[in-house]
Amino acid sequence: MPVSKAPYKRTYAHTKSRGRERVITCGLCGRKVPRYKTFVVTKRFRITDPLIRQQVDKRFIHLLSQKIRVCPKCARFLGIAQPGKSVRKKHRRLGK
């Protein structure tokens, strides 16, 4: 069975040439991670109740989505990032 495909590969590209990178808090677990290691996930809020949908102005519905930054551990748990190279090799070797 082939390794599952995920939307991202874990390639870390530093944003600065030198010095300390900015630290960001994960939007799901609260872990502090360097900014270049995080994944951007769009979190959406959907209104399903028709009565509330009539009361909310259509111009403000697009404001109900926000971008959060997620650490690599949460990204792997949610299926956003692929597991590391060693894990992929292990699954290939075991034939799973």
N, C-alpha and C. Protein backbone atom coordinates (compact mmCIF):
# COMPACT_ATOMS: atom_id res chain seq x y z
N MET A 1 0.84 -1.18 0.00
CA MET A 1 0.00 0.00 0.00
C MET A 1 0.89 1.25 0.00
N PRO A 2 0.69 2.19 -0.92
CA PRO A 2 1.55 3.36 -0.99
C PRO A 2 1.32 4.31 0.18
N VAL A 3 2.32 5.13 0.44
CA VAL A 3 2.21 6.13 1.50
C VAL A 3 1.19 7.16 1.08
N SER A 4 0.35 7.59 2.03
CA SER A 4 -0.71 8.53 1.70
C SER A 4 -0.12 9.87 1.28
N LYS A 5 -0.78 10.50 0.35
CA LYS A 5 -0.34 11.80 -0.14
C LYS A 5 -0.99 12.89 0.70
N ALA A 6 -0.24 13.90 1.03
CA ALA A 6 -0.74 15.03 1.80
C ALA A 6 -0.56 16.30 0.98
N PRO A 7 -1.30 17.36 1.30
CA PRO A 7 -1.19 18.59 0.51
C PRO A 7 0.19 19.25 0.55
N TYR A 8 0.94 19.09 1.66
CA TYR A 8 2.24 19.73 1.79
C TYR A 8 3.32 18.70 2.01
N LYS A 9 4.53 19.05 1.66
CA LYS A 9 5.70 18.31 2.10
C LYS A 9 6.39 19.17 3.14
N ARG A 10 7.05 18.55 4.07
CA ARG A 10 7.70 19.30 5.13
C ARG A 10 9.05 19.81 4.66
N THR A 11 9.06 20.87 3.91
CA THR A 11 10.30 21.52 3.51
C THR A 11 10.36 22.84 4.24
N TYR A 12 11.36 23.01 5.08
CA TYR A 12 11.48 24.22 5.88
C TYR A 12 12.39 25.20 5.17
N ALA A 13 11.86 26.33 4.80
CA ALA A 13 12.64 27.38 4.16
C ALA A 13 12.72 28.55 5.13
N HIS A 14 13.95 28.90 5.54
CA HIS A 14 14.12 29.99 6.47
C HIS A 14 13.75 31.30 5.80
N THR A 15 13.16 32.21 6.58
CA THR A 15 12.72 33.48 6.03
C THR A 15 13.79 34.55 6.18
N LYS A 16 14.75 34.33 7.09
CA LYS A 16 15.81 35.31 7.29
C LYS A 16 17.15 34.67 6.95
N SER A 17 18.12 35.51 6.62
CA SER A 17 19.44 34.97 6.32
C SER A 17 20.24 34.72 7.59
N ARG A 18 20.10 35.60 8.58
CA ARG A 18 20.85 35.45 9.83
C ARG A 18 19.99 35.88 11.00
N GLY A 19 20.42 35.49 12.18
CA GLY A 19 19.73 35.94 13.38
C GLY A 19 18.63 35.00 13.80
N ARG A 20 17.95 35.39 14.84
CA ARG A 20 16.93 34.54 15.42
C ARG A 20 15.61 34.72 14.69
N GLU A 21 14.93 33.63 14.41
CA GLU A 21 13.63 33.69 13.73
C GLU A 21 12.54 34.03 14.75
N ARG A 22 11.47 34.60 14.26
CA ARG A 22 10.35 34.94 15.12
C ARG A 22 9.64 33.68 15.58
N VAL A 23 9.21 33.65 16.83
CA VAL A 23 8.53 32.48 17.38
C VAL A 23 7.03 32.76 17.39
N ILE A 24 6.26 31.77 16.93
CA ILE A 24 4.81 31.91 16.83
C ILE A 24 4.16 30.81 17.66
N THR A 25 3.02 31.12 18.25
CA THR A 25 2.27 30.12 19.02
C THR A 25 1.34 29.37 18.08
N CYS A 26 1.32 28.04 18.19
CA CYS A 26 0.45 27.21 17.37
C CYS A 26 -1.01 27.54 17.69
N GLY A 27 -1.84 27.63 16.67
CA GLY A 27 -3.24 27.99 16.87
C GLY A 27 -4.08 26.87 17.44
N LEU A 28 -3.56 25.64 17.47
CA LEU A 28 -4.34 24.51 17.99
C LEU A 28 -3.86 24.04 19.36
N CYS A 29 -2.55 23.81 19.50
CA CYS A 29 -2.05 23.24 20.76
C CYS A 29 -1.36 24.27 21.64
N GLY A 30 -0.97 25.42 21.11
CA GLY A 30 -0.32 26.45 21.92
C GLY A 30 1.18 26.32 22.02
N ARG A 31 1.78 25.38 21.29
CA ARG A 31 3.23 25.19 21.31
C ARG A 31 3.91 26.36 20.61
N LYS A 32 5.08 26.76 21.10
CA LYS A 32 5.85 27.84 20.48
C LYS A 32 6.82 27.24 19.47
N VAL A 33 6.70 27.69 18.21
CA VAL A 33 7.47 27.12 17.10
C VAL A 33 8.02 28.27 16.27
N PRO A 34 9.22 28.12 15.68
CA PRO A 34 9.71 29.15 14.75
C PRO A 34 8.74 29.32 13.57
N ARG A 35 8.65 30.53 13.08
CA ARG A 35 7.64 30.85 12.07
C ARG A 35 7.82 30.05 10.78
N TYR A 36 9.06 29.77 10.41
CA TYR A 36 9.30 29.06 9.14
C TYR A 36 8.87 27.61 9.20
N LYS A 37 8.65 27.06 10.39
CA LYS A 37 8.24 25.66 10.50
C LYS A 37 6.72 25.50 10.53
N THR A 38 5.97 26.58 10.58
CA THR A 38 4.52 26.49 10.72
C THR A 38 3.85 26.34 9.35
N PHE A 39 2.62 25.83 9.39
CA PHE A 39 1.78 25.69 8.20
C PHE A 39 0.57 26.60 8.37
N VAL A 40 0.18 27.27 7.31
CA VAL A 40 -0.97 28.17 7.36
C VAL A 40 -2.22 27.38 7.02
N VAL A 41 -3.22 27.42 7.91
CA VAL A 41 -4.48 26.72 7.71
C VAL A 41 -5.60 27.74 7.81
N THR A 42 -6.55 27.68 6.89
CA THR A 42 -7.69 28.57 6.93
C THR A 42 -8.80 27.92 7.74
N LYS A 43 -9.21 28.59 8.80
CA LYS A 43 -10.27 28.08 9.66
C LYS A 43 -11.54 28.85 9.29
N ARG A 44 -12.56 28.12 8.96
CA ARG A 44 -13.80 28.76 8.50
C ARG A 44 -14.92 28.56 9.51
N PHE A 45 -15.85 29.48 9.46
CA PHE A 45 -17.03 29.41 10.32
C PHE A 45 -18.25 29.41 9.41
N ARG A 46 -19.04 28.37 9.47
CA ARG A 46 -20.18 28.23 8.57
C ARG A 46 -21.49 28.45 9.33
N ILE A 47 -22.37 29.24 8.76
CA ILE A 47 -23.68 29.47 9.36
C ILE A 47 -24.67 28.56 8.64
N THR A 48 -25.27 27.63 9.38
CA THR A 48 -26.21 26.69 8.77
C THR A 48 -27.66 27.04 9.08
N ASP A 49 -27.89 27.81 10.11
CA ASP A 49 -29.26 28.16 10.49
C ASP A 49 -29.80 29.22 9.53
N PRO A 50 -30.93 28.95 8.84
CA PRO A 50 -31.43 29.93 7.86
C PRO A 50 -31.90 31.25 8.49
N LEU A 51 -32.38 31.22 9.73
CA LEU A 51 -32.83 32.46 10.37
C LEU A 51 -31.66 33.39 10.65
N ILE A 52 -30.58 32.84 11.11
CA ILE A 52 -29.40 33.67 11.38
C ILE A 52 -28.79 34.15 10.07
N ARG A 53 -28.83 33.31 9.04
CA ARG A 53 -28.26 33.69 7.75
C ARG A 53 -28.99 34.89 7.15
N GLN A 54 -30.29 34.99 7.38
CA GLN A 54 -31.05 36.14 6.87
C GLN A 54 -30.67 37.41 7.62
N GLN A 55 -30.35 37.28 8.91
CA GLN A 55 -30.06 38.46 9.71
C GLN A 55 -28.65 39.01 9.45
N VAL A 56 -27.72 38.12 9.09
CA VAL A 56 -26.34 38.56 8.84
C VAL A 56 -26.24 39.13 7.44
N ASP A 57 -25.61 40.29 7.34
CA ASP A 57 -25.43 40.93 6.05
C ASP A 57 -24.42 40.13 5.21
N LYS A 58 -24.69 39.97 3.93
CA LYS A 58 -23.85 39.14 3.06
C LYS A 58 -22.44 39.72 2.89
N ARG A 59 -22.27 41.01 3.13
CA ARG A 59 -20.95 41.61 3.00
C ARG A 59 -19.99 41.15 4.10
N PHE A 60 -20.53 40.71 5.24
CA PHE A 60 -19.68 40.33 6.37
C PHE A 60 -19.44 38.84 6.47
N ILE A 61 -20.05 38.05 5.58
CA ILE A 61 -19.88 36.60 5.66
C ILE A 61 -18.46 36.19 5.31
N HIS A 62 -17.78 36.91 4.41
CA HIS A 62 -16.41 36.55 4.07
C HIS A 62 -15.44 36.81 5.22
N LEU A 63 -15.84 37.58 6.22
CA LEU A 63 -14.98 37.86 7.36
C LEU A 63 -14.97 36.70 8.36
N LEU A 64 -15.79 35.68 8.11
CA LEU A 64 -15.90 34.59 9.06
C LEU A 64 -14.85 33.51 8.85
N SER A 65 -13.81 33.78 8.10
CA SER A 65 -12.72 32.83 7.96
C SER A 65 -11.44 33.51 8.44
N GLN A 66 -10.59 32.73 9.11
CA GLN A 66 -9.32 33.29 9.59
C GLN A 66 -8.19 32.32 9.31
N LYS A 67 -7.00 32.87 9.17
CA LYS A 67 -5.83 32.05 8.92
C LYS A 67 -5.11 31.84 10.24
N ILE A 68 -4.84 30.57 10.56
CA ILE A 68 -4.08 30.26 11.76
C ILE A 68 -2.82 29.51 11.36
N ARG A 69 -1.79 29.63 12.17
CA ARG A 69 -0.54 28.92 11.93
C ARG A 69 -0.49 27.70 12.83
N VAL A 70 -0.11 26.56 12.25
CA VAL A 70 -0.15 25.28 12.94
C VAL A 70 1.26 24.70 13.00
N CYS A 71 1.63 24.11 14.14
CA CYS A 71 2.95 23.50 14.30
C CYS A 71 3.01 22.19 13.50
N PRO A 72 4.20 21.65 13.24
CA PRO A 72 4.32 20.43 12.44
C PRO A 72 3.61 19.22 13.06
N LYS A 73 3.59 19.13 14.39
CA LYS A 73 2.95 18.00 15.03
C LYS A 73 1.44 18.00 14.78
N CYS A 74 0.81 19.16 14.92
CA CYS A 74 -0.63 19.27 14.65
C CYS A 74 -0.92 19.09 13.16
N ALA A 75 0.00 19.58 12.31
CA ALA A 75 -0.19 19.44 10.86
C ALA A 75 -0.16 17.98 10.45
N ARG A 76 0.73 17.19 11.06
CA ARG A 76 0.76 15.76 10.76
C ARG A 76 -0.50 15.08 11.27
N PHE A 77 -0.98 15.49 12.45
CA PHE A 77 -2.19 14.90 13.02
C PHE A 77 -3.41 15.19 12.16
N LEU A 78 -3.50 16.39 11.61
CA LEU A 78 -4.64 16.77 10.77
C LEU A 78 -4.51 16.28 9.33
N GLY A 79 -3.34 15.77 8.96
CA GLY A 79 -3.14 15.30 7.59
C GLY A 79 -2.73 16.38 6.63
N ILE A 80 -2.26 17.51 7.15
CA ILE A 80 -1.82 18.60 6.29
C ILE A 80 -0.41 18.34 5.78
N ALA A 81 0.46 17.80 6.64
CA ALA A 81 1.85 17.54 6.28
C ALA A 81 2.10 16.04 6.25
N GLN A 82 3.05 15.63 5.42
CA GLN A 82 3.43 14.23 5.35
C GLN A 82 4.32 13.89 6.53
N PRO A 83 4.36 12.63 6.95
CA PRO A 83 5.30 12.24 7.98
C PRO A 83 6.73 12.39 7.49
N GLY A 84 7.69 12.34 8.41
CA GLY A 84 9.09 12.54 8.06
C GLY A 84 9.63 11.47 7.12
N LYS A 85 10.81 11.74 6.58
CA LYS A 85 11.41 10.87 5.57
C LYS A 85 11.69 9.47 6.13
N SER A 86 12.14 9.39 7.39
CA SER A 86 12.46 8.09 7.97
C SER A 86 11.20 7.23 8.13
N VAL A 87 10.07 7.86 8.47
CA VAL A 87 8.83 7.10 8.62
C VAL A 87 8.35 6.60 7.26
N ARG A 88 8.49 7.43 6.22
CA ARG A 88 8.08 7.00 4.88
C ARG A 88 8.93 5.83 4.42
N LYS A 89 10.25 5.87 4.71
CA LYS A 89 11.13 4.76 4.33
C LYS A 89 10.74 3.49 5.07
N LYS A 90 10.39 3.63 6.37
CA LYS A 90 10.04 2.47 7.17
C LYS A 90 8.79 1.80 6.62
N HIS A 91 7.80 2.59 6.22
CA HIS A 91 6.57 2.01 5.67
C HIS A 91 6.84 1.33 4.33
N ARG A 92 7.75 1.89 3.55
CA ARG A 92 8.09 1.29 2.27
C ARG A 92 8.81 -0.04 2.48
N ARG A 93 9.69 -0.07 3.49
CA ARG A 93 10.46 -1.28 3.74
C ARG A 93 9.58 -2.39 4.31
N LEU A 94 8.60 -2.03 5.18
CA LEU A 94 7.73 -3.04 5.77
C LEU A 94 6.64 -3.50 4.81
N GLY A 95 6.42 -2.75 3.76
CA GLY A 95 5.40 -3.13 2.78
C GLY A 95 3.99 -2.77 3.21
N LYS A 96 3.87 -1.72 4.02
CA LYS A 96 2.53 -1.31 4.48
C LYS A 96 1.95 -0.27 3.57
